Amino acid sequence: MKIQLSELDRKILRAVQDNSARSMAELGNVVGLSASACHRRLKSLEDRGLIAGYGATLDRRQLGFAMQFFIEVSLVSQSEPVLEAFENAVRAIPEILECHLMAGQSDYILRVVCRDAEAFAQLHRELVARLPGIARVHSNMSIREVKPYAGLPV
């Protein structure tokens, strides 16, 4: 079911994705509304479930996580117990920032950050390789982020 959005709603969503820390007055100025009108529209977008939450984007490099990897994982089986055990174990590892169930050659792709190559080797040896149901693991190191996540194209 596709939700109908006005151009004004789209402007608000783009502006909030760009900077959710703006005051209502600042947001209103950006989209061309009064603060109170902007607040009502934003509240409506939240109530309709279009805004899942607010947060800060942290700079991983400034926090010492210089290396980023994408790890392709294939499991021994795609049975529900194997998938569930794997997914539960992944949720417990803070260095795994994202985990996606895939269609294609690999069952999952993980996005992982580490401080250095030694930390990645330890993470791989002690955690990733020991995840339940693993049949194959293939790691790819990110050399440079070309286009960081900047929000959905609303």
C-alpha atoms as a PDB file:
ATOM      1  CA  MET A   1       0.000   0.000   0.000  1.00  0.00           C
ATOM      2  CA  LYS A   2       1.591   3.222  -1.175  1.00  0.00           C
ATOM      3  CA  ILE A   3       1.040   6.239   1.059  1.00  0.00           C
ATOM      4  CA  GLN A   4       0.165   9.479  -0.698  1.00  0.00           C
ATOM      5  CA  LEU A   5       2.416  12.378   0.300  1.00  0.00           C
ATOM      6  CA  SER A   6       2.045  16.020  -0.565  1.00  0.00           C
ATOM      7  CA  GLU A   7       5.066  17.941  -1.798  1.00  0.00           C
ATOM      8  CA  LEU A   8       5.086  19.757   1.552  1.00  0.00           C
ATOM      9  CA  ASP A   9       5.211  16.420   3.429  1.00  0.00           C
ATOM     10  CA  ARG A  10       8.119  15.373   1.193  1.00  0.00           C
ATOM     11  CA  LYS A  11       9.948  18.632   1.970  1.00  0.00           C
ATOM     12  CA  ILE A  12       9.478  18.026   5.688  1.00  0.00           C
ATOM     13  CA  LEU A  13      10.719  14.432   5.429  1.00  0.00           C
ATOM     14  CA  ARG A  14      13.784  15.491   3.418  1.00  0.00           C
ATOM     15  CA  ALA A  15      14.569  18.281   5.887  1.00  0.00           C
ATOM     16  CA  VAL A  16      14.185  16.002   8.921  1.00  0.00           C
ATOM     17  CA  GLN A  17      16.431  13.374   7.322  1.00  0.00           C
ATOM     18  CA  ASP A  18      19.013  16.062   6.645  1.00  0.00           C
ATOM     19  CA  ASN A  19      18.943  17.402  10.221  1.00  0.00           C
ATOM     20  CA  SER A  20      16.478  16.139  12.797  1.00  0.00           C
ATOM     21  CA  ALA A  21      17.933  18.378  15.514  1.00  0.00           C
ATOM     22  CA  ARG A  22      16.414  21.568  14.059  1.00  0.00           C
ATOM     23  CA  SER A  23      13.916  23.477  16.134  1.00  0.00           C
ATOM     24  CA  MET A  24      10.348  23.667  14.799  1.00  0.00           C
ATOM     25  CA  ALA A  25      10.957  27.321  13.887  1.00  0.00           C
ATOM     26  CA  GLU A  26      14.062  26.361  11.856  1.00  0.00           C
ATOM     27  CA  LEU A  27      12.272  23.437  10.217  1.00  0.00           C
ATOM     28  CA  GLY A  28       9.331  25.683   9.411  1.00  0.00           C
ATOM     29  CA  ASN A  29      11.659  28.215   7.772  1.00  0.00           C
ATOM     30  CA  VAL A  30      13.239  25.483   5.655  1.00  0.00           C
ATOM     31  CA  VAL A  31       9.893  24.176   4.368  1.00  0.00           C
ATOM     32  CA  GLY A  32       7.949  27.446   4.323  1.00  0.00           C
ATOM     33  CA  LEU A  33       5.540  26.948   7.239  1.00  0.00           C
ATOM     34  CA  SER A  34       4.992  28.452  10.675  1.00  0.00           C
ATOM     35  CA  ALA A  35       6.473  26.483  13.564  1.00  0.00           C
ATOM     36  CA  SER A  36       3.020  25.374  14.771  1.00  0.00           C
ATOM     37  CA  ALA A  37       1.854  24.279  11.294  1.00  0.00           C
ATOM     38  CA  CYS A  38       5.147  22.445  10.770  1.00  0.00           C
ATOM     39  CA  HIS A  39       4.770  20.718  14.147  1.00  0.00           C
ATOM     40  CA  ARG A  40       1.234  19.518  13.266  1.00  0.00           C
ATOM     41  CA  ARG A  41       2.377  18.108   9.917  1.00  0.00           C
ATOM     42  CA  LEU A  42       5.447  16.464  11.460  1.00  0.00           C
ATOM     43  CA  LYS A  43       3.292  14.907  14.204  1.00  0.00           C
ATOM     44  CA  SER A  44       0.926  13.582  11.524  1.00  0.00           C
ATOM     45  CA  LEU A  45       3.865  12.013   9.638  1.00  0.00           C
ATOM     46  CA  GLU A  46       5.045  10.397  12.881  1.00  0.00           C
ATOM     47  CA  ASP A  47       1.539   9.151  13.740  1.00  0.00           C
ATOM     48  CA  ARG A  48       1.223   7.607  10.261  1.00  0.00           C
ATOM     49  CA  GLY A  49       4.438   5.662  10.878  1.00  0.00           C
ATOM     50  CA  LEU A  50       6.503   7.409   8.199  1.00  0.00           C
ATOM     51  CA  ILE A  51       9.143   8.468  10.716  1.00  0.00           C
ATOM     52  CA  ALA A  52      10.513   5.437  12.530  1.00  0.00           C
ATOM     53  CA  GLY A  53      12.688   7.392  14.952  1.00  0.00           C
ATOM     54  CA  TYR A  54      15.326  10.055  15.413  1.00  0.00           C
ATOM     55  CA  GLY A  55      19.019   9.681  16.064  1.00  0.00           C
ATOM     56  CA  ALA A  56      22.523  10.968  15.584  1.00  0.00           C
ATOM     57  CA  THR A  57      24.896   9.855  12.835  1.00  0.00           C
ATOM     58  CA  LEU A  58      28.224   9.112  14.467  1.00  0.00           C
ATOM     59  CA  ASP A  59      31.543   9.424  12.640  1.00  0.00           C
ATOM     60  CA  ARG A  60      33.034   5.946  12.982  1.00  0.00           C
ATOM     61  CA  ARG A  61      36.534   7.157  12.120  1.00  0.00           C
ATOM     62  CA  GLN A  62      36.496   9.870  14.802  1.00  0.00           C
ATOM     63  CA  LEU A  63      35.441   7.166  17.270  1.00  0.00           C
ATOM     64  CA  GLY A  64      38.374   4.960  16.257  1.00  0.00           C
ATOM     65  CA  PHE A  65      36.610   2.493  13.936  1.00  0.00           C
ATOM     66  CA  ALA A  66      38.916   2.993  10.961  1.00  0.00           C
ATOM     67  CA  MET A  67      37.996  -0.191   9.096  1.00  0.00           C
ATOM     68  CA  GLN A  68      34.686  -1.276   7.618  1.00  0.00           C
ATOM     69  CA  PHE A  69      33.930  -4.706   6.172  1.00  0.00           C
ATOM     70  CA  PHE A  70      31.050  -6.353   4.363  1.00  0.00           C
ATOM     71  CA  ILE A  71      30.878 -10.038   5.207  1.00  0.00           C
ATOM     72  CA  GLU A  72      28.917 -12.476   3.063  1.00  0.00           C
ATOM     73  CA  VAL A  73      27.641 -15.474   5.010  1.00  0.00           C
ATOM     74  CA  SER A  74      26.171 -18.725   3.731  1.00  0.00           C
ATOM     75  CA  LEU A  75      24.486 -21.074   6.179  1.00  0.00           C
ATOM     76  CA  VAL A  76      24.357 -24.866   6.263  1.00  0.00           C
ATOM     77  CA  SER A  77      20.566 -24.739   5.982  1.00  0.00           C
ATOM     78  CA  GLN A  78      17.781 -22.237   5.525  1.00  0.00           C
ATOM     79  CA  SER A  79      15.531 -23.930   8.034  1.00  0.00           C
ATOM     80  CA  GLU A  80      13.753 -21.639  10.480  1.00  0.00           C
ATOM     81  CA  PRO A  81      15.741 -22.842  13.532  1.00  0.00           C
ATOM     82  CA  VAL A  82      19.090 -22.232  11.758  1.00  0.00           C
ATOM     83  CA  LEU A  83      18.055 -18.771  10.531  1.00  0.00           C
ATOM     84  CA  GLU A  84      16.682 -17.828  13.941  1.00  0.00           C
ATOM     85  CA  ALA A  85      19.788 -19.008  15.811  1.00  0.00           C
ATOM     86  CA  PHE A  86      22.062 -17.087  13.434  1.00  0.00           C
ATOM     87  CA  GLU A  87      20.011 -13.880  13.622  1.00  0.00           C
ATOM     88  CA  ASN A  88      19.818 -13.995  17.424  1.00  0.00           C
ATOM     89  CA  ALA A  89      23.589 -14.469  17.689  1.00  0.00           C
ATOM     90  CA  VAL A  90      24.275 -11.589  15.271  1.00  0.00           C
ATOM     91  CA  ARG A  91      22.140  -9.207  17.344  1.00  0.00           C
ATOM     92  CA  ALA A  92      24.477  -9.766  20.318  1.00  0.00           C
ATOM     93  CA  ILE A  93      27.651  -8.553  18.530  1.00  0.00           C
ATOM     94  CA  PRO A  94      27.927  -4.737  18.691  1.00  0.00           C
ATOM     95  CA  GLU A  95      30.550  -4.517  15.919  1.00  0.00           C
ATOM     96  CA  ILE A  96      27.968  -5.877  13.473  1.00  0.00           C
ATOM     97  CA  LEU A  97      26.128  -2.693  12.528  1.00  0.00           C
ATOM     98  CA  GLU A  98      23.775  -4.232   9.980  1.00  0.00           C
ATOM     99  CA  CYS A  99      22.642  -7.699   8.974  1.00  0.00           C
ATOM    100  CA  HIS A 100      20.572  -8.315   5.853  1.00  0.00           C
ATOM    101  CA  LEU A 101      18.919 -11.567   4.772  1.00  0.00           C
ATOM    102  CA  MET A 102      19.680 -11.783   1.057  1.00  0.00           C
ATOM    103  CA  ALA A 103      18.372 -13.370  -2.104  1.00  0.00           C
ATOM    104  CA  GLY A 104      21.269 -14.589  -4.218  1.00  0.00           C
ATOM    105  CA  GLN A 105      24.553 -16.335  -3.626  1.00  0.00           C
ATOM    106  CA  SER A 106      24.905 -15.519   0.089  1.00  0.00           C
ATOM    107  CA  ASP A 107      22.284 -15.910   2.779  1.00  0.00           C
ATOM    108  CA  TYR A 108      23.301 -12.785   4.709  1.00  0.00           C
ATOM    109  CA  ILE A 109      25.460  -9.702   4.348  1.00  0.00           C
ATOM    110  CA  LEU A 110      26.873  -8.127   7.492  1.00  0.00           C
ATOM    111  CA  ARG A 111      28.313  -4.618   7.794  1.00  0.00           C
ATOM    112  CA  VAL A 112      31.042  -4.613  10.429  1.00  0.00           C
ATOM    113  CA  VAL A 113      33.343  -1.922  11.831  1.00  0.00           C
ATOM    114  CA  CYS A 114      36.660  -2.497  13.582  1.00  0.00           C
ATOM    115  CA  ARG A 115      39.450  -0.345  14.963  1.00  0.00           C
ATOM    116  CA  ASP A 116      42.186  -2.033  12.915  1.00  0.00           C
ATOM    117  CA  ALA A 117      43.141  -5.226  11.048  1.00  0.00           C
ATOM    118  CA  GLU A 118      44.062  -6.993  14.281  1.00  0.00           C
ATOM    119  CA  ALA A 119      40.644  -6.233  15.764  1.00  0.00           C
ATOM    120  CA  PHE A 120      38.987  -7.556  12.603  1.00  0.00           C
ATOM    121  CA  ALA A 121      41.049 -10.756  12.741  1.00  0.00           C
ATOM    122  CA  GLN A 122      39.998 -11.266  16.357  1.00  0.00           C
ATOM    123  CA  LEU A 123      36.341 -10.495  15.595  1.00  0.00           C
ATOM    124  CA  HIS A 124      36.401 -12.881  12.649  1.00  0.00           C
ATOM    125  CA  ARG A 125      38.126 -15.690  14.541  1.00  0.00           C
ATOM    126  CA  GLU A 126      36.269 -15.402  17.846  1.00  0.00           C
ATOM    127  CA  LEU A 127      32.799 -14.317  16.784  1.00  0.00           C
ATOM    128  CA  VAL A 128      31.922 -14.403  13.102  1.00  0.00           C
ATOM    129  CA  ALA A 129      33.407 -17.828  12.335  1.00  0.00           C
ATOM    130  CA  ARG A 130      31.649 -19.233  15.416  1.00  0.00           C
ATOM    131  CA  LEU A 131      28.178 -17.971  14.590  1.00  0.00           C
ATOM    132  CA  PRO A 132      25.676 -20.846  14.498  1.00  0.00           C
ATOM    133  CA  GLY A 133      24.970 -22.534  11.185  1.00  0.00           C
ATOM    134  CA  ILE A 134      27.904 -21.066   9.223  1.00  0.00           C
ATOM    135  CA  ALA A 135      28.882 -22.919   6.061  1.00  0.00           C
ATOM    136  CA  ARG A 136      30.914 -20.208   4.297  1.00  0.00           C
ATOM    137  CA  VAL A 137      32.181 -16.701   5.104  1.00  0.00           C
ATOM    138  CA  HIS A 138      33.608 -14.243   2.571  1.00  0.00           C
ATOM    139  CA  SER A 139      34.876 -10.872   3.815  1.00  0.00           C
ATOM    140  CA  ASN A 140      35.266  -7.698   1.778  1.00  0.00           C
ATOM    141  CA  MET A 141      37.106  -4.643   3.098  1.00  0.00           C
ATOM    142  CA  SER A 142      35.696  -1.235   2.252  1.00  0.00           C
ATOM    143  CA  ILE A 143      38.480   0.995   0.939  1.00  0.00           C
ATOM    144  CA  ARG A 144      36.475   4.214   0.758  1.00  0.00           C
ATOM    145  CA  GLU A 145      32.868   5.214   1.234  1.00  0.00           C
ATOM    146  CA  VAL A 146      31.793   6.873  -2.013  1.00  0.00           C
ATOM    147  CA  LYS A 147      28.207   7.740  -1.138  1.00  0.00           C
ATOM    148  CA  PRO A 148      27.227   7.539   2.510  1.00  0.00           C
ATOM    149  CA  TYR A 149      23.623   6.963   3.488  1.00  0.00           C
ATOM    150  CA  ALA A 150      21.854  10.309   3.206  1.00  0.00           C
ATOM    151  CA  GLY A 151      18.244   9.274   3.706  1.00  0.00           C
ATOM    152  CA  LEU A 152      15.479   7.915   1.536  1.00  0.00           C
ATOM    153  CA  PRO A 153      14.638   9.627  -1.763  1.00  0.00           C
ATOM    154  CA  VAL A 154      11.284  11.125  -0.748  1.00  0.00           C
END
